[in-house]
Each structure stands twice: as C-alpha cells, then as structure tokens.
Amino acid sequence: MAEDIMNRFRFNTKITPDQFTLVNLQKKPSESFQEYARWWKIEAARTQQPIDDNELTEYFIRAQEGIYFENMMGMMGQKFPELVKMGDFLEEGIKSDKVQSMAALQAASKAI
C-alpha cells in the first residue's frame, strides 16, 4: 500500500527548476566540466518557462565560480557550446597547472 502511494505521488518529489535554481547549480569536484555542463543544460530544459539562448548563456555564466566566472563573463552573448569549450579549456589549464584555480589561489594566500 505504501508503495502504491509513493508511485502515485512521486511527481511531487521532483521540483521543476527555475532561473534561481539554475544559477545555484554548482559543479561537483568529482565531475568534469563536460559532465557538469550536460547536467546543467538538462536541468535548464526542465524549467517551466522556456529559456532562450541568451538567457541560457546568462544563467550558465552566473552559475560559475572563480576562474570560470571571470573568463566566461566576457562571453555574454555567445552560444552555450562556446561556453562549454571555454570551460573545458580552463579545466585543462587547471589540471596542467597553467591556470590557477580559485582554491589554489586561496590556499596560497592563506600560507602567506
């Protein structure tokens, strides 16, 4: 009986994201930027009101932190795939120590 009730009302457990929710979707340390961007776009597609390309770009940029936000801020008006390319490029730079992540910069400043 409990299972029947859960199956009947399961739709109430999934909250449809809005713009505020999208801006607060953060990348997990365990996922790649590609995985994050794919998941983020899926969530954006679930919003009640359709989001046009310009809004999609704006919300995605606002969802970024640190070096990602700094570098993508100037990309306002670009298409979503271009943002993902930039994110991949930054991620690669961080992994190869060519670009310092915000966490590394904060750790270095605390050590001083």
PDB file of N, CA and C in Angstrom:
ATOM      1  N   MET A   1       0.824  -1.189   0.000  1.00  0.00           N
ATOM      2  CA  MET A   1       0.000   0.000   0.000  1.00  0.00           C
ATOM      3  C   MET A   1       0.872   1.259   0.000  1.00  0.00           C
ATOM      4  N   ALA A   2       1.935   1.265   0.818  1.00  0.00           N
ATOM      5  CA  ALA A   2       2.832   2.421   0.866  1.00  0.00           C
ATOM      6  C   ALA A   2       3.496   2.650  -0.485  1.00  0.00           C
ATOM      7  N   GLU A   3       3.847   1.553  -1.152  1.00  0.00           N
ATOM      8  CA  GLU A   3       4.482   1.671  -2.466  1.00  0.00           C
ATOM      9  C   GLU A   3       3.524   2.277  -3.482  1.00  0.00           C
ATOM     10  N   ASP A   4       2.250   1.904  -3.414  1.00  0.00           N
ATOM     11  CA  ASP A   4       1.250   2.472  -4.312  1.00  0.00           C
ATOM     12  C   ASP A   4       1.115   3.979  -4.100  1.00  0.00           C
ATOM     13  N   ILE A   5       1.121   4.395  -2.845  1.00  0.00           N
ATOM     14  CA  ILE A   5       1.020   5.827  -2.529  1.00  0.00           C
ATOM     15  C   ILE A   5       2.245   6.567  -3.069  1.00  0.00           C
ATOM     16  N   MET A   6       3.434   5.990  -2.855  1.00  0.00           N
ATOM     17  CA  MET A   6       4.662   6.624  -3.351  1.00  0.00           C
ATOM     18  C   MET A   6       4.644   6.725  -4.877  1.00  0.00           C
ATOM     19  N   ASN A   7       4.214   5.684  -5.552  1.00  0.00           N
ATOM     20  CA  ASN A   7       4.158   5.717  -7.013  1.00  0.00           C
ATOM     21  C   ASN A   7       3.156   6.752  -7.516  1.00  0.00           C
ATOM     22  N   ARG A   8       2.051   6.869  -6.812  1.00  0.00           N
ATOM     23  CA  ARG A   8       1.017   7.809  -7.233  1.00  0.00           C
ATOM     24  C   ARG A   8       1.451   9.262  -7.069  1.00  0.00           C
ATOM     25  N   PHE A   9       2.198   9.571  -6.013  1.00  0.00           N
ATOM     26  CA  PHE A   9       2.571  10.950  -5.717  1.00  0.00           C
ATOM     27  C   PHE A   9       4.052  11.252  -5.953  1.00  0.00           C
ATOM     28  N   ARG A  10       4.754  10.384  -6.645  1.00  0.00           N
ATOM     29  CA  ARG A  10       6.181  10.578  -6.903  1.00  0.00           C
ATOM     30  C   ARG A  10       6.462  11.875  -7.666  1.00  0.00           C
ATOM     31  N   PHE A  11       5.526  12.310  -8.512  1.00  0.00           N
ATOM     32  CA  PHE A  11       5.723  13.530  -9.292  1.00  0.00           C
ATOM     33  C   PHE A  11       5.947  14.740  -8.388  1.00  0.00           C
ATOM     34  N   ASN A  12       5.432  14.716  -7.161  1.00  0.00           N
ATOM     35  CA  ASN A  12       5.613  15.835  -6.236  1.00  0.00           C
ATOM     36  C   ASN A  12       7.026  15.918  -5.676  1.00  0.00           C
ATOM     37  N   THR A  13       7.802  14.865  -5.811  1.00  0.00           N
ATOM     38  CA  THR A  13       9.152  14.881  -5.242  1.00  0.00           C
ATOM     39  C   THR A  13      10.146  15.570  -6.162  1.00  0.00           C
ATOM     40  N   LYS A  14       9.829  15.724  -7.414  1.00  0.00           N
ATOM     41  CA  LYS A  14      10.709  16.414  -8.362  1.00  0.00           C
ATOM     42  C   LYS A  14      10.210  17.848  -8.530  1.00  0.00           C
ATOM     43  N   ILE A  15      11.001  18.793  -8.065  1.00  0.00           N
ATOM     44  CA  ILE A  15      10.632  20.191  -8.183  1.00  0.00           C
ATOM     45  C   ILE A  15      11.193  20.721  -9.501  1.00  0.00           C
ATOM     46  N   THR A  16      10.361  21.382 -10.260  1.00  0.00           N
ATOM     47  CA  THR A  16      10.795  21.959 -11.524  1.00  0.00           C
ATOM     48  C   THR A  16      11.716  23.135 -11.237  1.00  0.00           C
ATOM     49  N   PRO A  17      12.915  23.126 -11.828  1.00  0.00           N
ATOM     50  CA  PRO A  17      13.849  24.223 -11.550  1.00  0.00           C
ATOM     51  C   PRO A  17      13.393  25.538 -12.178  1.00  0.00           C
ATOM     52  N   ASP A  18      13.783  26.631 -11.544  1.00  0.00           N
ATOM     53  CA  ASP A  18      13.544  27.950 -12.114  1.00  0.00           C
ATOM     54  C   ASP A  18      14.907  28.615 -12.336  1.00  0.00           C
ATOM     55  N   GLN A  19      14.903  29.872 -12.741  1.00  0.00           N
ATOM     56  CA  GLN A  19      16.153  30.561 -13.037  1.00  0.00           C
ATOM     57  C   GLN A  19      17.050  30.653 -11.805  1.00  0.00           C
ATOM     58  N   PHE A  20      16.479  30.894 -10.658  1.00  0.00           N
ATOM     59  CA  PHE A  20      17.250  30.978  -9.417  1.00  0.00           C
ATOM     60  C   PHE A  20      17.943  29.648  -9.126  1.00  0.00           C
ATOM     61  N   THR A  21      17.231  28.561  -9.328  1.00  0.00           N
ATOM     62  CA  THR A  21      17.799  27.229  -9.121  1.00  0.00           C
ATOM     63  C   THR A  21      18.960  26.984 -10.076  1.00  0.00           C
ATOM     64  N   LEU A  22      18.792  27.371 -11.336  1.00  0.00           N
ATOM     65  CA  LEU A  22      19.846  27.162 -12.333  1.00  0.00           C
ATOM     66  C   LEU A  22      21.130  27.900 -11.966  1.00  0.00           C
ATOM     67  N   VAL A  23      20.988  29.131 -11.496  1.00  0.00           N
ATOM     68  CA  VAL A  23      22.157  29.932 -11.140  1.00  0.00           C
ATOM     69  C   VAL A  23      22.897  29.313  -9.964  1.00  0.00           C
ATOM     70  N   ASN A  24      22.198  28.553  -9.142  1.00  0.00           N
ATOM     71  CA  ASN A  24      22.817  27.957  -7.954  1.00  0.00           C
ATOM     72  C   ASN A  24      23.273  26.509  -8.151  1.00  0.00           C
ATOM     73  N   LEU A  25      23.191  25.987  -9.373  1.00  0.00           N
ATOM     74  CA  LEU A  25      23.680  24.633  -9.641  1.00  0.00           C
ATOM     75  C   LEU A  25      25.190  24.679  -9.803  1.00  0.00           C
ATOM     76  N   GLN A  26      25.912  24.114  -8.865  1.00  0.00           N
ATOM     77  CA  GLN A  26      27.374  24.164  -8.863  1.00  0.00           C
ATOM     78  C   GLN A  26      27.977  22.856  -9.352  1.00  0.00           C
ATOM     79  N   LYS A  27      29.154  22.978  -9.932  1.00  0.00           N
ATOM     80  CA  LYS A  27      29.908  21.817 -10.389  1.00  0.00           C
ATOM     81  C   LYS A  27      30.463  21.081  -9.179  1.00  0.00           C
ATOM     82  N   LYS A  28      30.310  19.762  -9.180  1.00  0.00           N
ATOM     83  CA  LYS A  28      30.857  18.938  -8.101  1.00  0.00           C
ATOM     84  C   LYS A  28      32.340  18.693  -8.390  1.00  0.00           C
ATOM     85  N   PRO A  29      33.160  18.633  -7.364  1.00  0.00           N
ATOM     86  CA  PRO A  29      34.592  18.386  -7.584  1.00  0.00           C
ATOM     87  C   PRO A  29      34.879  17.081  -8.320  1.00  0.00           C
ATOM     88  N   SER A  30      33.990  16.109  -8.187  1.00  0.00           N
ATOM     89  CA  SER A  30      34.220  14.797  -8.792  1.00  0.00           C
ATOM     90  C   SER A  30      33.824  14.721 -10.267  1.00  0.00           C
ATOM     91  N   GLU A  31      33.168  15.750 -10.812  1.00  0.00           N
ATOM     92  CA  GLU A  31      32.717  15.676 -12.189  1.00  0.00           C
ATOM     93  C   GLU A  31      33.530  16.600 -13.095  1.00  0.00           C
ATOM     94  N   SER A  32      33.609  16.202 -14.353  1.00  0.00           N
ATOM     95  CA  SER A  32      34.316  17.030 -15.330  1.00  0.00           C
ATOM     96  C   SER A  32      33.418  18.202 -15.722  1.00  0.00           C
ATOM     97  N   PHE A  33      34.011  19.187 -16.367  1.00  0.00           N
ATOM     98  CA  PHE A  33      33.217  20.326 -16.802  1.00  0.00           C
ATOM     99  C   PHE A  33      32.180  19.890 -17.835  1.00  0.00           C
ATOM    100  N   GLN A  34      32.556  18.940 -18.701  1.00  0.00           N
ATOM    101  CA  GLN A  34      31.622  18.409 -19.707  1.00  0.00           C
ATOM    102  C   GLN A  34      30.400  17.788 -19.040  1.00  0.00           C
ATOM    103  N   GLU A  35      30.637  16.960 -18.035  1.00  0.00           N
ATOM    104  CA  GLU A  35      29.536  16.311 -17.316  1.00  0.00           C
ATOM    105  C   GLU A  35      28.654  17.347 -16.651  1.00  0.00           C
ATOM    106  N   TYR A  36      29.281  18.325 -16.011  1.00  0.00           N
ATOM    107  CA  TYR A  36      28.538  19.395 -15.341  1.00  0.00           C
ATOM    108  C   TYR A  36      27.682  20.170 -16.339  1.00  0.00           C
ATOM    109  N   ALA A  37      28.265  20.571 -17.465  1.00  0.00           N
ATOM    110  CA  ALA A  37      27.540  21.354 -18.463  1.00  0.00           C
ATOM    111  C   ALA A  37      26.356  20.562 -19.024  1.00  0.00           C
ATOM    112  N   ARG A  38      26.571  19.284 -19.272  1.00  0.00           N
ATOM    113  CA  ARG A  38      25.498  18.426 -19.796  1.00  0.00           C
ATOM    114  C   ARG A  38      24.354  18.347 -18.786  1.00  0.00           C
ATOM    115  N   TRP A  39      24.697  18.097 -17.516  1.00  0.00           N
ATOM    116  CA  TRP A  39      23.688  18.007 -16.453  1.00  0.00           C
ATOM    117  C   TRP A  39      22.977  19.353 -16.279  1.00  0.00           C
ATOM    118  N   TRP A  40      23.733  20.441 -16.310  1.00  0.00           N
ATOM    119  CA  TRP A  40      23.157  21.773 -16.144  1.00  0.00           C
ATOM    120  C   TRP A  40      22.150  22.063 -17.252  1.00  0.00           C
ATOM    121  N   LYS A  41      22.499  21.722 -18.480  1.00  0.00           N
ATOM    122  CA  LYS A  41      21.604  22.001 -19.606  1.00  0.00           C
ATOM    123  C   LYS A  41      20.334  21.152 -19.531  1.00  0.00           C
ATOM    124  N   ILE A  42      20.459  19.927 -19.052  1.00  0.00           N
ATOM    125  CA  ILE A  42      19.278  19.080 -18.857  1.00  0.00           C
ATOM    126  C   ILE A  42      18.345  19.720 -17.832  1.00  0.00           C
ATOM    127  N   GLU A  43      18.918  20.217 -16.756  1.00  0.00           N
ATOM    128  CA  GLU A  43      18.108  20.895 -15.738  1.00  0.00           C
ATOM    129  C   GLU A  43      17.460  22.153 -16.314  1.00  0.00           C
ATOM    130  N   ALA A  44      18.192  22.897 -17.141  1.00  0.00           N
ATOM    131  CA  ALA A  44      17.646  24.109 -17.759  1.00  0.00           C
ATOM    132  C   ALA A  44      16.464  23.772 -18.670  1.00  0.00           C
ATOM    133  N   ALA A  45      16.529  22.635 -19.325  1.00  0.00           N
ATOM    134  CA  ALA A  45      15.441  22.223 -20.211  1.00  0.00           C
ATOM    135  C   ALA A  45      14.178  21.857 -19.431  1.00  0.00           C
ATOM    136  N   ARG A  46      14.325  21.565 -18.158  1.00  0.00           N
ATOM    137  CA  ARG A  46      13.182  21.173 -17.326  1.00  0.00           C
ATOM    138  C   ARG A  46      12.411  22.366 -16.765  1.00  0.00           C
ATOM    139  N   THR A  47      12.880  23.593 -16.960  1.00  0.00           N
ATOM    140  CA  THR A  47      12.187  24.753 -16.395  1.00  0.00           C
ATOM    141  C   THR A  47      10.802  24.887 -17.006  1.00  0.00           C
ATOM    142  N   GLN A  48       9.900  25.490 -16.243  1.00  0.00           N
ATOM    143  CA  GLN A  48       8.523  25.625 -16.718  1.00  0.00           C
ATOM    144  C   GLN A  48       8.438  26.566 -17.909  1.00  0.00           C
ATOM    145  N   GLN A  49       9.110  27.698 -17.819  1.00  0.00           N
ATOM    146  CA  GLN A  49       9.091  28.639 -18.920  1.00  0.00           C
ATOM    147  C   GLN A  49      10.314  28.385 -19.804  1.00  0.00           C
ATOM    148  N   PRO A  50      10.122  28.322 -21.100  1.00  0.00           N
ATOM    149  CA  PRO A  50      11.267  28.086 -21.985  1.00  0.00           C
ATOM    150  C   PRO A  50      12.302  29.200 -21.837  1.00  0.00           C
ATOM    151  N   ILE A  51      13.564  28.814 -21.934  1.00  0.00           N
ATOM    152  CA  ILE A  51      14.662  29.768 -21.814  1.00  0.00           C
ATOM    153  C   ILE A  51      15.289  29.934 -23.189  1.00  0.00           C
ATOM    154  N   ASP A  52      15.412  31.194 -23.643  1.00  0.00           N
ATOM    155  CA  ASP A  52      16.047  31.405 -24.951  1.00  0.00           C
ATOM    156  C   ASP A  52      17.566  31.305 -24.805  1.00  0.00           C
ATOM    157  N   ASP A  53      18.272  31.322 -25.922  1.00  0.00           N
ATOM    158  CA  ASP A  53      19.721  31.126 -25.925  1.00  0.00           C
ATOM    159  C   ASP A  53      20.461  32.171 -25.098  1.00  0.00           C
ATOM    160  N   ASN A  54      20.031  33.427 -25.169  1.00  0.00           N
ATOM    161  CA  ASN A  54      20.704  34.484 -24.406  1.00  0.00           C
ATOM    162  C   ASN A  54      20.545  34.275 -22.900  1.00  0.00           C
ATOM    163  N   GLU A  55      19.352  33.905 -22.479  1.00  0.00           N
ATOM    164  CA  GLU A  55      19.121  33.634 -21.058  1.00  0.00           C
ATOM    165  C   GLU A  55      19.909  32.404 -20.610  1.00  0.00           C
ATOM    166  N   LEU A  56      19.948  31.380 -21.450  1.00  0.00           N
ATOM    167  CA  LEU A  56      20.689  30.169 -21.136  1.00  0.00           C
ATOM    168  C   LEU A  56      22.151  30.508 -20.869  1.00  0.00           C
ATOM    169  N   THR A  57      22.734  31.314 -21.747  1.00  0.00           N
ATOM    170  CA  THR A  57      24.117  31.744 -21.588  1.00  0.00           C
ATOM    171  C   THR A  57      24.293  32.537 -20.299  1.00  0.00           C
ATOM    172  N   GLU A  58      23.397  33.480 -20.053  1.00  0.00           N
ATOM    173  CA  GLU A  58      23.499  34.332 -18.862  1.00  0.00           C
ATOM    174  C   GLU A  58      23.420  33.511 -17.576  1.00  0.00           C
ATOM    175  N   TYR A  59      22.460  32.622 -17.477  1.00  0.00           N
ATOM    176  CA  TYR A  59      22.295  31.824 -16.265  1.00  0.00           C
ATOM    177  C   TYR A  59      23.469  30.866 -16.055  1.00  0.00           C
ATOM    178  N   PHE A  60      23.965  30.303 -17.158  1.00  0.00           N
ATOM    179  CA  PHE A  60      25.107  29.391 -17.044  1.00  0.00           C
ATOM    180  C   PHE A  60      26.344  30.138 -16.550  1.00  0.00           C
ATOM    181  N   ILE A  61      26.591  31.314 -17.093  1.00  0.00           N
ATOM    182  CA  ILE A  61      27.737  32.109 -16.638  1.00  0.00           C
ATOM    183  C   ILE A  61      27.577  32.479 -15.172  1.00  0.00           C
ATOM    184  N   ARG A  62      26.389  32.881 -14.769  1.00  0.00           N
ATOM    185  CA  ARG A  62      26.147  33.239 -13.358  1.00  0.00           C
ATOM    186  C   ARG A  62      26.341  32.056 -12.423  1.00  0.00           C
ATOM    187  N   ALA A  63      26.156  30.849 -12.924  1.00  0.00           N
ATOM    188  CA  ALA A  63      26.311  29.643 -12.100  1.00  0.00           C
ATOM    189  C   ALA A  63      27.781  29.301 -11.857  1.00  0.00           C
ATOM    190  N   GLN A  64      28.683  29.909 -12.619  1.00  0.00           N
ATOM    191  CA  GLN A  64      30.103  29.586 -12.491  1.00  0.00           C
ATOM    192  C   GLN A  64      30.730  30.303 -11.304  1.00  0.00           C
ATOM    193  N   GLU A  65      31.857  29.769 -10.862  1.00  0.00           N
ATOM    194  CA  GLU A  65      32.583  30.380  -9.757  1.00  0.00           C
ATOM    195  C   GLU A  65      34.033  30.590 -10.156  1.00  0.00           C
ATOM    196  N   GLY A  66      34.672  31.500  -9.476  1.00  0.00           N
ATOM    197  CA  GLY A  66      36.103  31.697  -9.603  1.00  0.00           C
ATOM    198  C   GLY A  66      36.577  31.982 -11.006  1.00  0.00           C
ATOM    199  N   ILE A  67      37.609  31.272 -11.400  1.00  0.00           N
ATOM    200  CA  ILE A  67      38.269  31.486 -12.686  1.00  0.00           C
ATOM    201  C   ILE A  67      37.320  31.227 -13.849  1.00  0.00           C
ATOM    202  N   TYR A  68      36.372  30.314 -13.666  1.00  0.00           N
ATOM    203  CA  TYR A  68      35.391  30.037 -14.715  1.00  0.00           C
ATOM    204  C   TYR A  68      34.505  31.266 -14.936  1.00  0.00           C
ATOM    205  N   PHE A  69      34.015  31.841 -13.852  1.00  0.00           N
ATOM    206  CA  PHE A  69      33.161  33.029 -13.961  1.00  0.00           C
ATOM    207  C   PHE A  69      33.941  34.186 -14.571  1.00  0.00           C
ATOM    208  N   GLU A  70      35.154  34.410 -14.084  1.00  0.00           N
ATOM    209  CA  GLU A  70      35.972  35.523 -14.572  1.00  0.00           C
ATOM    210  C   GLU A  70      36.195  35.443 -16.079  1.00  0.00           C
ATOM    211  N   ASN A  71      36.481  34.264 -16.581  1.00  0.00           N
ATOM    212  CA  ASN A  71      36.778  34.113 -18.003  1.00  0.00           C
ATOM    213  C   ASN A  71      35.528  34.053 -18.871  1.00  0.00           C
ATOM    214  N   MET A  72      34.434  33.590 -18.330  1.00  0.00           N
ATOM    215  CA  MET A  72      33.222  33.474 -19.134  1.00  0.00           C
ATOM    216  C   MET A  72      32.387  34.748 -19.121  1.00  0.00           C
ATOM    217  N   MET A  73      32.624  35.616 -18.159  1.00  0.00           N
ATOM    218  CA  MET A  73      31.835  36.835 -18.047  1.00  0.00           C
ATOM    219  C   MET A  73      31.889  37.645 -19.346  1.00  0.00           C
ATOM    220  N   GLY A  74      33.037  37.682 -19.992  1.00  0.00           N
ATOM    221  CA  GLY A  74      33.170  38.409 -21.243  1.00  0.00           C
ATOM    222  C   GLY A  74      32.568  37.688 -22.435  1.00  0.00           C
ATOM    223  N   MET A  75      32.028  36.501 -22.210  1.00  0.00           N
ATOM    224  CA  MET A  75      31.452  35.707 -23.306  1.00  0.00           C
ATOM    225  C   MET A  75      29.927  35.841 -23.386  1.00  0.00           C
ATOM    226  N   MET A  76      29.384  36.820 -22.675  1.00  0.00           N
ATOM    227  CA  MET A  76      27.943  37.038 -22.714  1.00  0.00           C
ATOM    228  C   MET A  76      27.523  37.217 -24.170  1.00  0.00           C
ATOM    229  N   GLY A  77      26.480  36.546 -24.586  1.00  0.00           N
ATOM    230  CA  GLY A  77      26.013  36.620 -25.958  1.00  0.00           C
ATOM    231  C   GLY A  77      26.515  35.476 -26.827  1.00  0.00           C
ATOM    232  N   GLN A  78      27.488  34.716 -26.330  1.00  0.00           N
ATOM    233  CA  GLN A  78      27.979  33.555 -27.068  1.00  0.00           C
ATOM    234  C   GLN A  78      26.977  32.402 -26.914  1.00  0.00           C
ATOM    235  N   LYS A  79      27.099  31.410 -27.737  1.00  0.00           N
ATOM    236  CA  LYS A  79      26.247  30.223 -27.655  1.00  0.00           C
ATOM    237  C   LYS A  79      26.767  29.287 -26.559  1.00  0.00           C
ATOM    238  N   PHE A  80      25.884  28.460 -26.045  1.00  0.00           N
ATOM    239  CA  PHE A  80      26.212  27.534 -24.964  1.00  0.00           C
ATOM    240  C   PHE A  80      27.409  26.641 -25.290  1.00  0.00           C
ATOM    241  N   PRO A  81      27.501  26.058 -26.493  1.00  0.00           N
ATOM    242  CA  PRO A  81      28.670  25.207 -26.793  1.00  0.00           C
ATOM    243  C   PRO A  81      30.008  25.950 -26.682  1.00  0.00           C
ATOM    244  N   GLU A  82      30.013  27.240 -26.975  1.00  0.00           N
ATOM    245  CA  GLU A  82      31.242  28.023 -26.838  1.00  0.00           C
ATOM    246  C   GLU A  82      31.646  28.157 -25.369  1.00  0.00           C
ATOM    247  N   LEU A  83      30.669  28.278 -24.494  1.00  0.00           N
ATOM    248  CA  LEU A  83      30.945  28.345 -23.052  1.00  0.00           C
ATOM    249  C   LEU A  83      31.524  27.028 -22.559  1.00  0.00           C
ATOM    250  N   VAL A  84      30.977  25.942 -23.075  1.00  0.00           N
ATOM    251  CA  VAL A  84      31.470  24.618 -22.672  1.00  0.00           C
ATOM    252  C   VAL A  84      32.910  24.434 -23.146  1.00  0.00           C
ATOM    253  N   LYS A  85      33.212  24.891 -24.358  1.00  0.00           N
ATOM    254  CA  LYS A  85      34.595  24.817 -24.846  1.00  0.00           C
ATOM    255  C   LYS A  85      35.533  25.604 -23.944  1.00  0.00           C
ATOM    256  N   MET A  86      35.118  26.797 -23.536  1.00  0.00           N
ATOM    257  CA  MET A  86      35.943  27.613 -22.642  1.00  0.00           C
ATOM    258  C   MET A  86      36.121  26.906 -21.303  1.00  0.00           C
ATOM    259  N   GLY A  87      35.062  26.321 -20.770  1.00  0.00           N
ATOM    260  CA  GLY A  87      35.150  25.588 -19.512  1.00  0.00           C
ATOM    261  C   GLY A  87      36.112  24.415 -19.610  1.00  0.00           C
ATOM    262  N   ASP A  88      36.051  23.690 -20.714  1.00  0.00           N
ATOM    263  CA  ASP A  88      36.988  22.576 -20.933  1.00  0.00           C
ATOM    264  C   ASP A  88      38.425  23.081 -20.996  1.00  0.00           C
ATOM    265  N   PHE A  89      38.617  24.192 -21.688  1.00  0.00           N
ATOM    266  CA  PHE A  89      39.942  24.780 -21.827  1.00  0.00           C
ATOM    267  C   PHE A  89      40.491  25.197 -20.460  1.00  0.00           C
ATOM    268  N   LEU A  90      39.651  25.827 -19.646  1.00  0.00           N
ATOM    269  CA  LEU A  90      40.072  26.232 -18.305  1.00  0.00           C
ATOM    270  C   LEU A  90      40.371  25.023 -17.434  1.00  0.00           C
ATOM    271  N   GLU A  91      39.521  24.002 -17.513  1.00  0.00           N
ATOM    272  CA  GLU A  91      39.736  22.791 -16.730  1.00  0.00           C
ATOM    273  C   GLU A  91      41.070  22.141 -17.097  1.00  0.00           C
ATOM    274  N   GLU A  92      41.354  22.091 -18.378  1.00  0.00           N
ATOM    275  CA  GLU A  92      42.628  21.536 -18.844  1.00  0.00           C
ATOM    276  C   GLU A  92      43.798  22.377 -18.334  1.00  0.00           C
ATOM    277  N   GLY A  93      43.641  23.697 -18.356  1.00  0.00           N
ATOM    278  CA  GLY A  93      44.686  24.590 -17.853  1.00  0.00           C
ATOM    279  C   GLY A  93      44.923  24.422 -16.365  1.00  0.00           C
ATOM    280  N   ILE A  94      43.866  24.214 -15.609  1.00  0.00           N
ATOM    281  CA  ILE A  94      43.993  24.000 -14.166  1.00  0.00           C
ATOM    282  C   ILE A  94      44.709  22.685 -13.891  1.00  0.00           C
ATOM    283  N   LYS A  95      44.326  21.641 -14.623  1.00  0.00           N
ATOM    284  CA  LYS A  95      44.952  20.323 -14.426  1.00  0.00           C
ATOM    285  C   LYS A  95      46.434  20.335 -14.786  1.00  0.00           C
ATOM    286  N   SER A  96      46.815  21.134 -15.781  1.00  0.00           N
ATOM    287  CA  SER A  96      48.217  21.179 -16.196  1.00  0.00           C
ATOM    288  C   SER A  96      48.997  22.282 -15.483  1.00  0.00           C
ATOM    289  N   ASP A  97      48.389  22.919 -14.485  1.00  0.00           N
ATOM    290  CA  ASP A  97      48.996  23.995 -13.697  1.00  0.00           C
ATOM    291  C   ASP A  97      49.347  25.230 -14.513  1.00  0.00           C
ATOM    292  N   LYS A  98      48.734  25.407 -15.659  1.00  0.00           N
ATOM    293  CA  LYS A  98      48.935  26.626 -16.446  1.00  0.00           C
ATOM    294  C   LYS A  98      47.996  27.729 -15.974  1.00  0.00           C
ATOM    295  N   VAL A  99      46.885  27.325 -15.377  1.00  0.00           N
ATOM    296  CA  VAL A  99      45.904  28.254 -14.824  1.00  0.00           C
ATOM    297  C   VAL A  99      45.685  27.848 -13.381  1.00  0.00           C
ATOM    298  N   GLN A 100      45.695  28.833 -12.494  1.00  0.00           N
ATOM    299  CA  GLN A 100      45.473  28.510 -11.086  1.00  0.00           C
ATOM    300  C   GLN A 100      43.995  28.626 -10.759  1.00  0.00           C
ATOM    301  N   SER A 101      43.477  27.606 -10.092  1.00  0.00           N
ATOM    302  CA  SER A 101      42.085  27.625  -9.670  1.00  0.00           C
ATOM    303  C   SER A 101      41.948  28.546  -8.467  1.00  0.00           C
ATOM    304  N   MET A 102      40.734  28.947  -8.169  1.00  0.00           N
ATOM    305  CA  MET A 102      40.488  29.809  -7.009  1.00  0.00           C
ATOM    306  C   MET A 102      40.902  29.111  -5.717  1.00  0.00           C
ATOM    307  N   ALA A 103      40.697  27.809  -5.624  1.00  0.00           N
ATOM    308  CA  ALA A 103      41.080  27.072  -4.418  1.00  0.00           C
ATOM    309  C   ALA A 103      42.580  27.151  -4.209  1.00  0.00           C
ATOM    310  N   ALA A 104      43.354  27.024  -5.302  1.00  0.00           N
ATOM    311  CA  ALA A 104      44.810  27.105  -5.195  1.00  0.00           C
ATOM    312  C   ALA A 104      45.249  28.510  -4.809  1.00  0.00           C
ATOM    313  N   LEU A 105      44.600  29.519  -5.370  1.00  0.00           N
ATOM    314  CA  LEU A 105      44.942  30.897  -5.028  1.00  0.00           C
ATOM    315  C   LEU A 105      44.625  31.204  -3.564  1.00  0.00           C
ATOM    316  N   GLN A 106      43.494  30.724  -3.091  1.00  0.00           N
ATOM    317  CA  GLN A 106      43.116  30.946  -1.686  1.00  0.00           C
ATOM    318  C   GLN A 106      44.067  30.233  -0.748  1.00  0.00           C
ATOM    319  N   ALA A 107      44.468  29.015  -1.085  1.00  0.00           N
ATOM    320  CA  ALA A 107      45.403  28.269  -0.250  1.00  0.00           C
ATOM    321  C   ALA A 107      46.758  28.976  -0.208  1.00  0.00           C
ATOM    322  N   ALA A 108      47.191  29.515  -1.346  1.00  0.00           N
ATOM    323  CA  ALA A 108      48.476  30.224  -1.404  1.00  0.00           C
ATOM    324  C   ALA A 108      48.420  31.500  -0.577  1.00  0.00           C
ATOM    325  N   SER A 109      47.296  32.201  -0.611  1.00  0.00           N
ATOM    326  CA  SER A 109      47.190  33.466   0.136  1.00  0.00           C
ATOM    327  C   SER A 109      47.120  33.199   1.649  1.00  0.00           C
ATOM    328  N   LYS A 110      46.543  32.078   2.056  1.00  0.00           N
ATOM    329  CA  LYS A 110      46.484  31.733   3.481  1.00  0.00           C
ATOM    330  C   LYS A 110      47.851  31.339   4.006  1.00  0.00           C
ATOM    331  N   ALA A 111      48.678  30.758   3.132  1.00  0.00           N
ATOM    332  CA  ALA A 111      50.020  30.311   3.537  1.00  0.00           C
ATOM    333  C   ALA A 111      50.936  31.506   3.803  1.00  0.00           C
ATOM    334  N   ILE A 112      50.612  32.643   3.201  1.00  0.00           N
ATOM    335  CA  ILE A 112      51.471  33.835   3.356  1.00  0.00           C
ATOM    336  C   ILE A 112      51.268  34.508   4.671  1.00  0.00           C
TER     337      ILE A 112
END
